[in-house]
Amino acid sequence: MENRSNNGLLVGLILMTVLAAVFGYLYYQERSITTKQEQDLESRVTELATTEIKLDSIARQLDARIAEVEGLGGDVEELQKVKAQLEADRTALRRGNASMGQKIKEYEAFLTKKDQELAQLREENQQLISQNDSLVTQTTTLSRERQVLSDSLVGVVDKNRELEEKVTMASALRARNVKVYAVSSKGKVREGENVRSRRVDKVRVDFILEKNPLTEQATKTIYMRILNPQGAIISDVATGSGAFEYNGQEETYTLSKQITYSNNNQDVSILYDRTASFPSGTYAVELYSEGFKIGEGSFSVR
C-alpha cells in the first residue's frame, strides 16, 4: 500500500511539472507575440513619420521649382501635375492605404530630371539676357551714333542756311547816292530840302544800283515808301500803291517800279505823282527789293 501511495505521489508531481512547463511555454509565447506586435507598430509609425517628412521635403522642392520655372518663363504644367499627385499620395498614406517607398524614389528621380531641365533653362535664359544686354548696348550705341549724325546734319543744315543767308544778303541790291527832288507842275526840279509846298507837285527819287557780281541780272522790282512827318505811309491805290512782304510781314508801299538789272552801276529814277498836297515837315523815303531794304533818303517841305 505504501508503494502505491508513493507511486501516485510521483505521478502527481510529474503531471504538475508538465503542466507548469506547458503554462510557462504558453505565457512565454503570448508575451513574445505582444512584444513583436509592439515593435512592428513602432516600426510602422517610424516609417510613416519618415515617409511624411520626405513627402513634405519633396513638396517644398516642387514648389520652389514651380516658382523658379515660372520666373524664367518656362512651362510648369508637368510640375503642377506631379504636385497634385503628391498631395493625393500624402492623403492615402495618412489613411494607411499606400506604401510610399517606390513612390518616393520616383519623385526623387523626377526632381533630379527637372533639376537638369531647370539648369538648361537657366542657361538659355542667361544667354537671352546676355543677348538682350548686347542688343540694348548696340541699340544705345546706334542711337548715340544717330544722334551724333543728326546733330552733324543739323549743324550742316544750319551752316548751309547761314551760308545761303549770307550769299542772299551779299547778292542783295544796293541803292547808292539816293537823292530826292521836288518837281513843280511846270516841270521845274528842285532838290528836296526846304521846298515850298506849293512847288511840290511830284517827287522824283534818283539813285544808283551798285554793281554786284553775286546779283542775278534779271528783272527786279523796286518798292518805294514815302513816310509823312508823322511816320505814316503815303499810299493811294489809284496812284500805284500796294503791299509787299518784308521780314515775314506784309508792308504797304507808295509806288513800285520794275527794272532790268544790268549790273553796271546803273542809274534809276522813280517819279511819284501825288494828287494831294504835301504838308510842311520832313518826309522819309525808303527803297526795298527782294526782301531787303536797299536804300533811303529824305526831303523837307516848308
C-alpha atoms as a PDB file:
ATOM      1  CA  MET A   1       0.000   0.000   0.000  1.00  0.00           C
ATOM      2  CA  GLU A   2       2.794   2.333   0.852  1.00  0.00           C
ATOM      3  CA  ASN A   3       4.456   1.677  -2.536  1.00  0.00           C
ATOM      4  CA  ARG A   4       1.242   2.520  -4.349  1.00  0.00           C
ATOM      5  CA  SER A   5       0.926   5.718  -2.441  1.00  0.00           C
ATOM      6  CA  ASN A   6       4.454   6.742  -3.328  1.00  0.00           C
ATOM      7  CA  ASN A   7       3.903   5.927  -6.968  1.00  0.00           C
ATOM      8  CA  GLY A   8       0.766   8.073  -7.044  1.00  0.00           C
ATOM      9  CA  LEU A   9       2.590  10.982  -5.470  1.00  0.00           C
ATOM     10  CA  LEU A  10       5.353  10.715  -8.034  1.00  0.00           C
ATOM     11  CA  VAL A  11       2.913  10.689 -10.889  1.00  0.00           C
ATOM     12  CA  GLY A  12       1.181  13.737  -9.462  1.00  0.00           C
ATOM     13  CA  LEU A  13       4.463  15.631  -9.230  1.00  0.00           C
ATOM     14  CA  ILE A  14       5.320  14.746 -12.784  1.00  0.00           C
ATOM     15  CA  LEU A  15       1.938  15.929 -14.032  1.00  0.00           C
ATOM     16  CA  MET A  16       2.252  19.191 -12.135  1.00  0.00           C
ATOM     17  CA  THR A  17       5.709  19.712 -13.531  1.00  0.00           C
ATOM     18  CA  VAL A  18       4.458  19.101 -17.096  1.00  0.00           C
ATOM     19  CA  LEU A  19       1.512  21.432 -16.624  1.00  0.00           C
ATOM     20  CA  ALA A  20       3.776  24.109 -15.200  1.00  0.00           C
ATOM     21  CA  ALA A  21       6.063  23.747 -18.197  1.00  0.00           C
ATOM     22  CA  VAL A  22       3.116  23.923 -20.589  1.00  0.00           C
ATOM     23  CA  PHE A  23       1.691  27.023 -18.925  1.00  0.00           C
ATOM     24  CA  GLY A  24       5.145  28.649 -18.840  1.00  0.00           C
ATOM     25  CA  TYR A  25       5.626  27.991 -22.544  1.00  0.00           C
ATOM     26  CA  LEU A  26       2.200  29.345 -23.390  1.00  0.00           C
ATOM     27  CA  TYR A  27       2.858  32.510 -21.337  1.00  0.00           C
ATOM     28  CA  TYR A  28       6.234  32.999 -22.991  1.00  0.00           C
ATOM     29  CA  GLN A  29       4.705  32.607 -26.431  1.00  0.00           C
ATOM     30  CA  GLU A  30       1.956  35.122 -25.707  1.00  0.00           C
ATOM     31  CA  ARG A  31       4.474  37.597 -24.280  1.00  0.00           C
ATOM     32  CA  SER A  32       6.700  37.199 -27.335  1.00  0.00           C
ATOM     33  CA  ILE A  33       3.782  37.865 -29.697  1.00  0.00           C
ATOM     34  CA  THR A  34       2.794  41.046 -27.831  1.00  0.00           C
ATOM     35  CA  THR A  35       6.360  42.406 -27.857  1.00  0.00           C
ATOM     36  CA  LYS A  36       6.713  41.717 -31.607  1.00  0.00           C
ATOM     37  CA  GLN A  37       3.428  43.493 -32.303  1.00  0.00           C
ATOM     38  CA  GLU A  38       4.623  46.500 -30.312  1.00  0.00           C
ATOM     39  CA  GLN A  39       7.883  46.506 -32.222  1.00  0.00           C
ATOM     40  CA  ASP A  40       6.040  46.204 -35.542  1.00  0.00           C
ATOM     41  CA  LEU A  41       3.733  49.064 -34.620  1.00  0.00           C
ATOM     42  CA  GLU A  42       6.607  51.260 -33.536  1.00  0.00           C
ATOM     43  CA  SER A  43       8.470  50.478 -36.756  1.00  0.00           C
ATOM     44  CA  ARG A  44       5.364  51.272 -38.788  1.00  0.00           C
ATOM     45  CA  VAL A  45       4.849  54.591 -37.025  1.00  0.00           C
ATOM     46  CA  THR A  46       8.503  55.493 -37.542  1.00  0.00           C
ATOM     47  CA  GLU A  47       8.254  54.543 -41.213  1.00  0.00           C
ATOM     48  CA  LEU A  48       5.118  56.667 -41.685  1.00  0.00           C
ATOM     49  CA  ALA A  49       6.696  59.647 -39.948  1.00  0.00           C
ATOM     50  CA  THR A  50       9.858  59.327 -42.057  1.00  0.00           C
ATOM     51  CA  THR A  51       7.802  58.994 -45.239  1.00  0.00           C
ATOM     52  CA  GLU A  52       5.710  62.057 -44.299  1.00  0.00           C
ATOM     53  CA  ILE A  53       8.873  64.096 -43.731  1.00  0.00           C
ATOM     54  CA  LYS A  54      10.256  63.012 -47.116  1.00  0.00           C
ATOM     55  CA  LEU A  55       6.991  63.879 -48.850  1.00  0.00           C
ATOM     56  CA  ASP A  56       6.972  67.310 -47.176  1.00  0.00           C
ATOM     57  CA  SER A  57      10.506  67.915 -48.372  1.00  0.00           C
ATOM     58  CA  ILE A  58       9.653  66.832 -51.919  1.00  0.00           C
ATOM     59  CA  ALA A  59       6.555  69.088 -51.877  1.00  0.00           C
ATOM     60  CA  ARG A  60       8.647  72.116 -50.874  1.00  0.00           C
ATOM     61  CA  GLN A  61      11.177  71.324 -53.581  1.00  0.00           C
ATOM     62  CA  LEU A  62       8.373  71.096 -56.148  1.00  0.00           C
ATOM     63  CA  ASP A  63       7.001  74.466 -55.020  1.00  0.00           C
ATOM     64  CA  ALA A  64      10.463  76.020 -55.317  1.00  0.00           C
ATOM     65  CA  ARG A  65      10.965  74.646 -58.818  1.00  0.00           C
ATOM     66  CA  ILE A  66       7.498  75.740 -59.952  1.00  0.00           C
ATOM     67  CA  ALA A  67       8.238  79.279 -58.767  1.00  0.00           C
ATOM     68  CA  GLU A  68      11.656  79.372 -60.468  1.00  0.00           C
ATOM     69  CA  VAL A  69      10.401  77.920 -63.750  1.00  0.00           C
ATOM     70  CA  GLU A  70       7.566  80.450 -63.798  1.00  0.00           C
ATOM     71  CA  GLY A  71      10.102  83.215 -63.145  1.00  0.00           C
ATOM     72  CA  LEU A  72      12.191  82.014 -66.078  1.00  0.00           C
ATOM     73  CA  GLY A  73       9.135  81.838 -68.320  1.00  0.00           C
ATOM     74  CA  GLY A  74       9.087  78.038 -68.599  1.00  0.00           C
ATOM     75  CA  ASP A  75       6.205  75.513 -68.668  1.00  0.00           C
ATOM     76  CA  VAL A  76       5.106  74.363 -65.173  1.00  0.00           C
ATOM     77  CA  GLU A  77       2.197  72.132 -66.218  1.00  0.00           C
ATOM     78  CA  GLU A  78       4.051  68.847 -65.578  1.00  0.00           C
ATOM     79  CA  LEU A  79       5.380  70.093 -62.223  1.00  0.00           C
ATOM     80  CA  GLN A  80       1.887  71.087 -61.121  1.00  0.00           C
ATOM     81  CA  LYS A  81       0.504  67.663 -62.093  1.00  0.00           C
ATOM     82  CA  VAL A  82       3.200  65.909 -60.055  1.00  0.00           C
ATOM     83  CA  LYS A  83       2.496  68.234 -57.118  1.00  0.00           C
ATOM     84  CA  ALA A  84      -1.206  67.321 -57.263  1.00  0.00           C
ATOM     85  CA  GLN A  85      -0.355  63.583 -57.349  1.00  0.00           C
ATOM     86  CA  LEU A  86       1.970  64.041 -54.384  1.00  0.00           C
ATOM     87  CA  GLU A  87      -0.827  65.605 -52.345  1.00  0.00           C
ATOM     88  CA  ALA A  88      -3.107  62.668 -53.246  1.00  0.00           C
ATOM     89  CA  ASP A  89      -0.413  60.185 -52.167  1.00  0.00           C
ATOM     90  CA  ARG A  90       0.047  62.021 -48.861  1.00  0.00           C
ATOM     91  CA  THR A  91      -3.683  61.713 -48.187  1.00  0.00           C
ATOM     92  CA  ALA A  92      -3.605  57.991 -48.987  1.00  0.00           C
ATOM     93  CA  LEU A  93      -0.571  57.500 -46.760  1.00  0.00           C
ATOM     94  CA  ARG A  94      -2.312  59.114 -43.794  1.00  0.00           C
ATOM     95  CA  ARG A  95      -5.261  56.768 -44.295  1.00  0.00           C
ATOM     96  CA  GLY A  96      -2.913  53.764 -44.349  1.00  0.00           C
ATOM     97  CA  ASN A  97      -3.838  52.880 -47.914  1.00  0.00           C
ATOM     98  CA  ALA A  98      -0.466  53.213 -49.611  1.00  0.00           C
ATOM     99  CA  SER A  99       3.188  52.310 -49.381  1.00  0.00           C
ATOM    100  CA  MET A 100       5.414  55.180 -50.383  1.00  0.00           C
ATOM    101  CA  GLY A 101       8.829  53.531 -50.737  1.00  0.00           C
ATOM    102  CA  GLN A 102       8.725  53.241 -54.520  1.00  0.00           C
ATOM    103  CA  LYS A 103       6.763  56.452 -54.904  1.00  0.00           C
ATOM    104  CA  ILE A 104       9.394  58.468 -53.072  1.00  0.00           C
ATOM    105  CA  LYS A 105      12.089  57.046 -55.361  1.00  0.00           C
ATOM    106  CA  GLU A 106      10.010  58.057 -58.377  1.00  0.00           C
ATOM    107  CA  TYR A 107       9.523  61.571 -57.001  1.00  0.00           C
ATOM    108  CA  GLU A 108      13.229  61.938 -56.263  1.00  0.00           C
ATOM    109  CA  ALA A 109      14.066  60.742 -59.784  1.00  0.00           C
ATOM    110  CA  PHE A 110      11.583  63.263 -61.185  1.00  0.00           C
ATOM    111  CA  LEU A 111      13.196  66.075 -59.175  1.00  0.00           C
ATOM    112  CA  THR A 112      16.631  65.068 -60.460  1.00  0.00           C
ATOM    113  CA  LYS A 113      15.343  65.160 -64.037  1.00  0.00           C
ATOM    114  CA  LYS A 114      13.705  68.538 -63.501  1.00  0.00           C
ATOM    115  CA  ASP A 115      16.876  69.928 -61.940  1.00  0.00           C
ATOM    116  CA  GLN A 116      18.697  69.084 -65.154  1.00  0.00           C
ATOM    117  CA  GLU A 117      15.978  70.722 -67.242  1.00  0.00           C
ATOM    118  CA  LEU A 118      15.966  73.736 -64.923  1.00  0.00           C
ATOM    119  CA  ALA A 119      19.727  74.115 -65.251  1.00  0.00           C
ATOM    120  CA  GLN A 120      19.318  74.126 -69.045  1.00  0.00           C
ATOM    121  CA  LEU A 121      16.512  76.665 -68.763  1.00  0.00           C
ATOM    122  CA  ARG A 122      18.699  78.902 -66.574  1.00  0.00           C
ATOM    123  CA  GLU A 123      21.498  78.719 -69.110  1.00  0.00           C
ATOM    124  CA  GLU A 124      19.166  79.538 -72.000  1.00  0.00           C
ATOM    125  CA  ASN A 125      17.645  82.376 -70.011  1.00  0.00           C
ATOM    126  CA  GLN A 126      21.106  83.727 -69.192  1.00  0.00           C
ATOM    127  CA  GLN A 127      22.011  83.588 -72.868  1.00  0.00           C
ATOM    128  CA  LEU A 128      18.841  85.511 -73.694  1.00  0.00           C
ATOM    129  CA  ILE A 129      19.699  88.093 -71.032  1.00  0.00           C
ATOM    130  CA  SER A 130      23.217  88.415 -72.455  1.00  0.00           C
ATOM    131  CA  GLN A 131      21.834  88.759 -75.974  1.00  0.00           C
ATOM    132  CA  ASN A 132      19.307  91.312 -74.758  1.00  0.00           C
ATOM    133  CA  ASP A 133      22.043  93.257 -72.958  1.00  0.00           C
ATOM    134  CA  SER A 134      24.100  93.150 -76.139  1.00  0.00           C
ATOM    135  CA  LEU A 135      21.129  94.366 -78.183  1.00  0.00           C
ATOM    136  CA  VAL A 136      20.476  97.143 -75.673  1.00  0.00           C
ATOM    137  CA  THR A 137      24.128  98.164 -75.865  1.00  0.00           C
ATOM    138  CA  GLN A 138      24.071  98.063 -79.652  1.00  0.00           C
ATOM    139  CA  THR A 139      20.806  99.989 -79.727  1.00  0.00           C
ATOM    140  CA  THR A 140      22.193 102.588 -77.326  1.00  0.00           C
ATOM    141  CA  THR A 141      25.367 102.904 -79.381  1.00  0.00           C
ATOM    142  CA  LEU A 142      23.347 103.137 -82.589  1.00  0.00           C
ATOM    143  CA  SER A 143      21.070 105.734 -81.001  1.00  0.00           C
ATOM    144  CA  ARG A 144      24.084 107.781 -79.945  1.00  0.00           C
ATOM    145  CA  GLU A 145      25.611 107.474 -83.405  1.00  0.00           C
ATOM    146  CA  ARG A 146      22.315 108.547 -84.947  1.00  0.00           C
ATOM    147  CA  GLN A 147      22.135 111.465 -82.544  1.00  0.00           C
ATOM    148  CA  VAL A 148      25.690 112.476 -83.435  1.00  0.00           C
ATOM    149  CA  LEU A 149      24.855 112.137 -87.119  1.00  0.00           C
ATOM    150  CA  SER A 150      21.622 114.054 -86.614  1.00  0.00           C
ATOM    151  CA  ASP A 151      23.465 116.790 -84.743  1.00  0.00           C
ATOM    152  CA  SER A 152      26.051 116.865 -87.524  1.00  0.00           C
ATOM    153  CA  LEU A 153      23.345 117.084 -90.162  1.00  0.00           C
ATOM    154  CA  VAL A 154      21.607 119.830 -88.205  1.00  0.00           C
ATOM    155  CA  GLY A 155      24.929 121.615 -87.971  1.00  0.00           C
ATOM    156  CA  VAL A 156      25.473 121.220 -91.711  1.00  0.00           C
ATOM    157  CA  VAL A 157      21.942 122.402 -92.455  1.00  0.00           C
ATOM    158  CA  ASP A 158      22.385 125.380 -90.141  1.00  0.00           C
ATOM    159  CA  LYS A 159      25.707 126.221 -91.742  1.00  0.00           C
ATOM    160  CA  ASN A 160      24.220 125.845 -95.211  1.00  0.00           C
ATOM    161  CA  ARG A 161      21.296 128.030 -94.209  1.00  0.00           C
ATOM    162  CA  GLU A 162      23.687 130.549 -92.732  1.00  0.00           C
ATOM    163  CA  LEU A 163      25.791 130.490 -95.890  1.00  0.00           C
ATOM    164  CA  GLU A 164      22.674 130.836 -98.017  1.00  0.00           C
ATOM    165  CA  GLU A 165      21.562 133.794 -95.939  1.00  0.00           C
ATOM    166  CA  LYS A 166      24.982 135.350 -96.258  1.00  0.00           C
ATOM    167  CA  VAL A 167      25.029 134.752-100.002  1.00  0.00           C
ATOM    168  CA  THR A 168      21.498 136.119-100.281  1.00  0.00           C
ATOM    169  CA  MET A 169      22.443 139.193 -98.275  1.00  0.00           C
ATOM    170  CA  ALA A 170      25.625 139.601-100.269  1.00  0.00           C
ATOM    171  CA  SER A 171      23.656 139.372-103.508  1.00  0.00           C
ATOM    172  CA  ALA A 172      21.094 141.980-102.406  1.00  0.00           C
ATOM    173  CA  LEU A 173      20.768 145.179-104.411  1.00  0.00           C
ATOM    174  CA  ARG A 174      22.294 148.357-103.012  1.00  0.00           C
ATOM    175  CA  ALA A 175      20.992 151.842-103.817  1.00  0.00           C
ATOM    176  CA  ARG A 176      23.736 154.466-103.610  1.00  0.00           C
ATOM    177  CA  ASN A 177      23.548 158.270-103.751  1.00  0.00           C
ATOM    178  CA  VAL A 178      19.821 158.408-103.098  1.00  0.00           C
ATOM    179  CA  LYS A 179      18.603 161.905-103.920  1.00  0.00           C
ATOM    180  CA  VAL A 180      15.059 163.266-103.677  1.00  0.00           C
ATOM    181  CA  TYR A 181      13.781 166.095-105.903  1.00  0.00           C
ATOM    182  CA  ALA A 182      10.627 168.152-105.882  1.00  0.00           C
ATOM    183  CA  VAL A 183       9.044 168.644-109.292  1.00  0.00           C
ATOM    184  CA  SER A 184       6.616 171.506-109.786  1.00  0.00           C
ATOM    185  CA  SER A 185       3.580 171.450-112.018  1.00  0.00           C
ATOM    186  CA  LYS A 186       5.605 173.405-114.575  1.00  0.00           C
ATOM    187  CA  GLY A 187       8.331 170.731-114.573  1.00  0.00           C
ATOM    188  CA  LYS A 188      10.866 172.663-112.559  1.00  0.00           C
ATOM    189  CA  VAL A 189      13.080 170.409-110.481  1.00  0.00           C
ATOM    190  CA  ARG A 190      14.463 171.364-107.075  1.00  0.00           C
ATOM    191  CA  GLU A 191      16.445 169.231-104.639  1.00  0.00           C
ATOM    192  CA  GLY A 192      14.104 168.294-101.829  1.00  0.00           C
ATOM    193  CA  GLU A 193      15.369 170.393 -98.949  1.00  0.00           C
ATOM    194  CA  ASN A 194      13.119 173.117 -97.590  1.00  0.00           C
ATOM    195  CA  VAL A 195      10.992 173.161-100.722  1.00  0.00           C
ATOM    196  CA  ARG A 196       7.857 175.218-100.540  1.00  0.00           C
ATOM    197  CA  SER A 197       4.727 173.078-100.552  1.00  0.00           C
ATOM    198  CA  ARG A 198       3.187 174.917-103.492  1.00  0.00           C
ATOM    199  CA  ARG A 199       6.215 173.974-105.587  1.00  0.00           C
ATOM    200  CA  VAL A 200       5.871 170.241-104.881  1.00  0.00           C
ATOM    201  CA  ASP A 201       3.640 168.557-107.400  1.00  0.00           C
ATOM    202  CA  LYS A 202       5.662 165.397-107.905  1.00  0.00           C
ATOM    203  CA  VAL A 203       8.515 163.676-106.106  1.00  0.00           C
ATOM    204  CA  ARG A 204      11.392 162.164-108.057  1.00  0.00           C
ATOM    205  CA  VAL A 205      13.880 159.794-106.442  1.00  0.00           C
ATOM    206  CA  ASP A 206      17.182 159.156-108.233  1.00  0.00           C
ATOM    207  CA  PHE A 207      19.806 156.598-107.186  1.00  0.00           C
ATOM    208  CA  ILE A 208      22.484 154.253-108.468  1.00  0.00           C
ATOM    209  CA  LEU A 209      22.126 150.483-108.284  1.00  0.00           C
ATOM    210  CA  GLU A 210      25.600 149.316-107.374  1.00  0.00           C
ATOM    211  CA  LYS A 211      27.401 146.694-109.368  1.00  0.00           C
ATOM    212  CA  ASN A 212      27.323 143.296-107.631  1.00  0.00           C
ATOM    213  CA  PRO A 213      28.659 140.135-109.328  1.00  0.00           C
ATOM    214  CA  LEU A 214      26.584 137.981-106.932  1.00  0.00           C
ATOM    215  CA  THR A 215      23.315 139.566-108.033  1.00  0.00           C
ATOM    216  CA  GLU A 216      21.441 137.883-110.845  1.00  0.00           C
ATOM    217  CA  GLN A 217      20.947 140.027-113.933  1.00  0.00           C
ATOM    218  CA  ALA A 218      17.183 139.876-114.288  1.00  0.00           C
ATOM    219  CA  THR A 219      14.035 141.898-113.873  1.00  0.00           C
ATOM    220  CA  LYS A 220      13.856 143.440-110.401  1.00  0.00           C
ATOM    221  CA  THR A 221      11.001 145.223-108.643  1.00  0.00           C
ATOM    222  CA  ILE A 222      11.878 148.303-106.609  1.00  0.00           C
ATOM    223  CA  TYR A 223       9.362 149.282-103.913  1.00  0.00           C
ATOM    224  CA  MET A 224       9.407 152.891-102.718  1.00  0.00           C
ATOM    225  CA  ARG A 225       7.779 154.057 -99.499  1.00  0.00           C
ATOM    226  CA  ILE A 226       7.267 157.708 -98.626  1.00  0.00           C
ATOM    227  CA  LEU A 227       6.541 158.366 -94.953  1.00  0.00           C
ATOM    228  CA  ASN A 228       4.900 161.654 -93.931  1.00  0.00           C
ATOM    229  CA  PRO A 229       6.197 163.711 -90.969  1.00  0.00           C
ATOM    230  CA  GLN A 230       4.034 161.627 -88.600  1.00  0.00           C
ATOM    231  CA  GLY A 231       5.597 158.367 -89.869  1.00  0.00           C
ATOM    232  CA  ALA A 232       2.547 157.133 -91.801  1.00  0.00           C
ATOM    233  CA  ILE A 233       2.950 155.618 -95.245  1.00  0.00           C
ATOM    234  CA  ILE A 234       1.645 157.745 -98.086  1.00  0.00           C
ATOM    235  CA  SER A 235      -0.378 155.371-100.227  1.00  0.00           C
ATOM    236  CA  ASP A 236      -3.106 155.561-102.819  1.00  0.00           C
ATOM    237  CA  VAL A 237      -4.133 152.579-104.898  1.00  0.00           C
ATOM    238  CA  ALA A 238      -5.139 154.964-107.672  1.00  0.00           C
ATOM    239  CA  THR A 239      -1.543 156.163-107.969  1.00  0.00           C
ATOM    240  CA  GLY A 240       0.024 152.678-107.838  1.00  0.00           C
ATOM    241  CA  SER A 241       0.294 151.849-104.118  1.00  0.00           C
ATOM    242  CA  GLY A 242       0.060 148.286-102.863  1.00  0.00           C
ATOM    243  CA  ALA A 243       1.665 145.782-100.483  1.00  0.00           C
ATOM    244  CA  PHE A 244       4.851 143.692-100.418  1.00  0.00           C
ATOM    245  CA  GLU A 245       6.473 141.231 -97.983  1.00  0.00           C
ATOM    246  CA  TYR A 246       9.302 142.298 -95.725  1.00  0.00           C
ATOM    247  CA  ASN A 247      10.702 140.326 -92.761  1.00  0.00           C
ATOM    248  CA  GLY A 248       7.794 137.907 -92.970  1.00  0.00           C
ATOM    249  CA  GLN A 249       5.172 140.666 -92.755  1.00  0.00           C
ATOM    250  CA  GLU A 250       3.056 142.499 -95.268  1.00  0.00           C
ATOM    251  CA  GLU A 251       4.048 146.137 -95.694  1.00  0.00           C
ATOM    252  CA  THR A 252       2.479 148.972 -97.686  1.00  0.00           C
ATOM    253  CA  TYR A 253       4.444 150.731-100.419  1.00  0.00           C
ATOM    254  CA  THR A 254       3.796 154.041-102.086  1.00  0.00           C
ATOM    255  CA  LEU A 255       4.974 153.179-105.598  1.00  0.00           C
ATOM    256  CA  SER A 256       6.835 150.343-107.307  1.00  0.00           C
ATOM    257  CA  LYS A 257       8.910 150.128-110.458  1.00  0.00           C
ATOM    258  CA  GLN A 258      10.300 147.218-112.439  1.00  0.00           C
ATOM    259  CA  ILE A 259      13.774 147.478-113.902  1.00  0.00           C
ATOM    260  CA  THR A 260      16.146 145.184-115.741  1.00  0.00           C
ATOM    261  CA  TYR A 261      19.231 144.896-113.591  1.00  0.00           C
ATOM    262  CA  SER A 262      22.345 145.168-115.741  1.00  0.00           C
ATOM    263  CA  ASN A 263      24.998 145.033-113.009  1.00  0.00           C
ATOM    264  CA  ASN A 264      26.868 148.112-114.175  1.00  0.00           C
ATOM    265  CA  ASN A 265      26.132 150.820-111.583  1.00  0.00           C
ATOM    266  CA  GLN A 266      23.036 151.778-113.491  1.00  0.00           C
ATOM    267  CA  ASP A 267      21.048 154.926-112.799  1.00  0.00           C
ATOM    268  CA  VAL A 268      17.439 154.534-111.733  1.00  0.00           C
ATOM    269  CA  SER A 269      14.749 157.176-111.348  1.00  0.00           C
ATOM    270  CA  ILE A 270      11.276 156.795-109.796  1.00  0.00           C
ATOM    271  CA  LEU A 271       8.702 159.559-110.221  1.00  0.00           C
ATOM    272  CA  TYR A 272       5.738 159.770-107.868  1.00  0.00           C
ATOM    273  CA  ASP A 273       2.775 161.933-108.875  1.00  0.00           C
ATOM    274  CA  ARG A 274       0.582 162.710-105.904  1.00  0.00           C
ATOM    275  CA  THR A 275      -2.810 164.305-106.348  1.00  0.00           C
ATOM    276  CA  ALA A 276      -2.892 165.718-102.794  1.00  0.00           C
ATOM    277  CA  SER A 277      -0.620 168.407-101.413  1.00  0.00           C
ATOM    278  CA  PHE A 278       2.413 167.813 -99.180  1.00  0.00           C
ATOM    279  CA  PRO A 279       2.004 169.473 -95.752  1.00  0.00           C
ATOM    280  CA  SER A 280       5.068 171.018 -94.135  1.00  0.00           C
ATOM    281  CA  GLY A 281       7.567 168.718 -92.461  1.00  0.00           C
ATOM    282  CA  THR A 282      10.269 166.193 -93.178  1.00  0.00           C
ATOM    283  CA  TYR A 283       9.450 163.158 -95.309  1.00  0.00           C
ATOM    284  CA  ALA A 284      11.414 159.900 -95.344  1.00  0.00           C
ATOM    285  CA  VAL A 285      11.956 157.830 -98.486  1.00  0.00           C
ATOM    286  CA  GLU A 286      12.735 154.091 -98.240  1.00  0.00           C
ATOM    287  CA  LEU A 287      13.670 151.701-101.059  1.00  0.00           C
ATOM    288  CA  TYR A 288      13.148 147.898-100.946  1.00  0.00           C
ATOM    289  CA  SER A 289      13.768 144.979-103.287  1.00  0.00           C
ATOM    290  CA  GLU A 290      13.676 141.175-102.946  1.00  0.00           C
ATOM    291  CA  GLY A 291      13.040 141.305 -99.210  1.00  0.00           C
ATOM    292  CA  PHE A 292      15.825 143.785 -98.368  1.00  0.00           C
ATOM    293  CA  LYS A 293      15.931 147.473 -97.624  1.00  0.00           C
ATOM    294  CA  ILE A 294      18.360 148.741-100.257  1.00  0.00           C
ATOM    295  CA  GLY A 295      18.494 152.493 -99.595  1.00  0.00           C
ATOM    296  CA  GLU A 296      16.848 155.598 -98.059  1.00  0.00           C
ATOM    297  CA  GLY A 297      16.676 159.330 -98.355  1.00  0.00           C
ATOM    298  CA  SER A 298      14.539 162.302 -97.278  1.00  0.00           C
ATOM    299  CA  PHE A 299      13.146 165.656 -98.262  1.00  0.00           C
ATOM    300  CA  SER A 300      11.522 168.528 -96.372  1.00  0.00           C
ATOM    301  CA  VAL A 301       8.664 170.832 -97.177  1.00  0.00           C
ATOM    302  CA  ARG A 302       8.132 174.293 -95.634  1.00  0.00           C
END
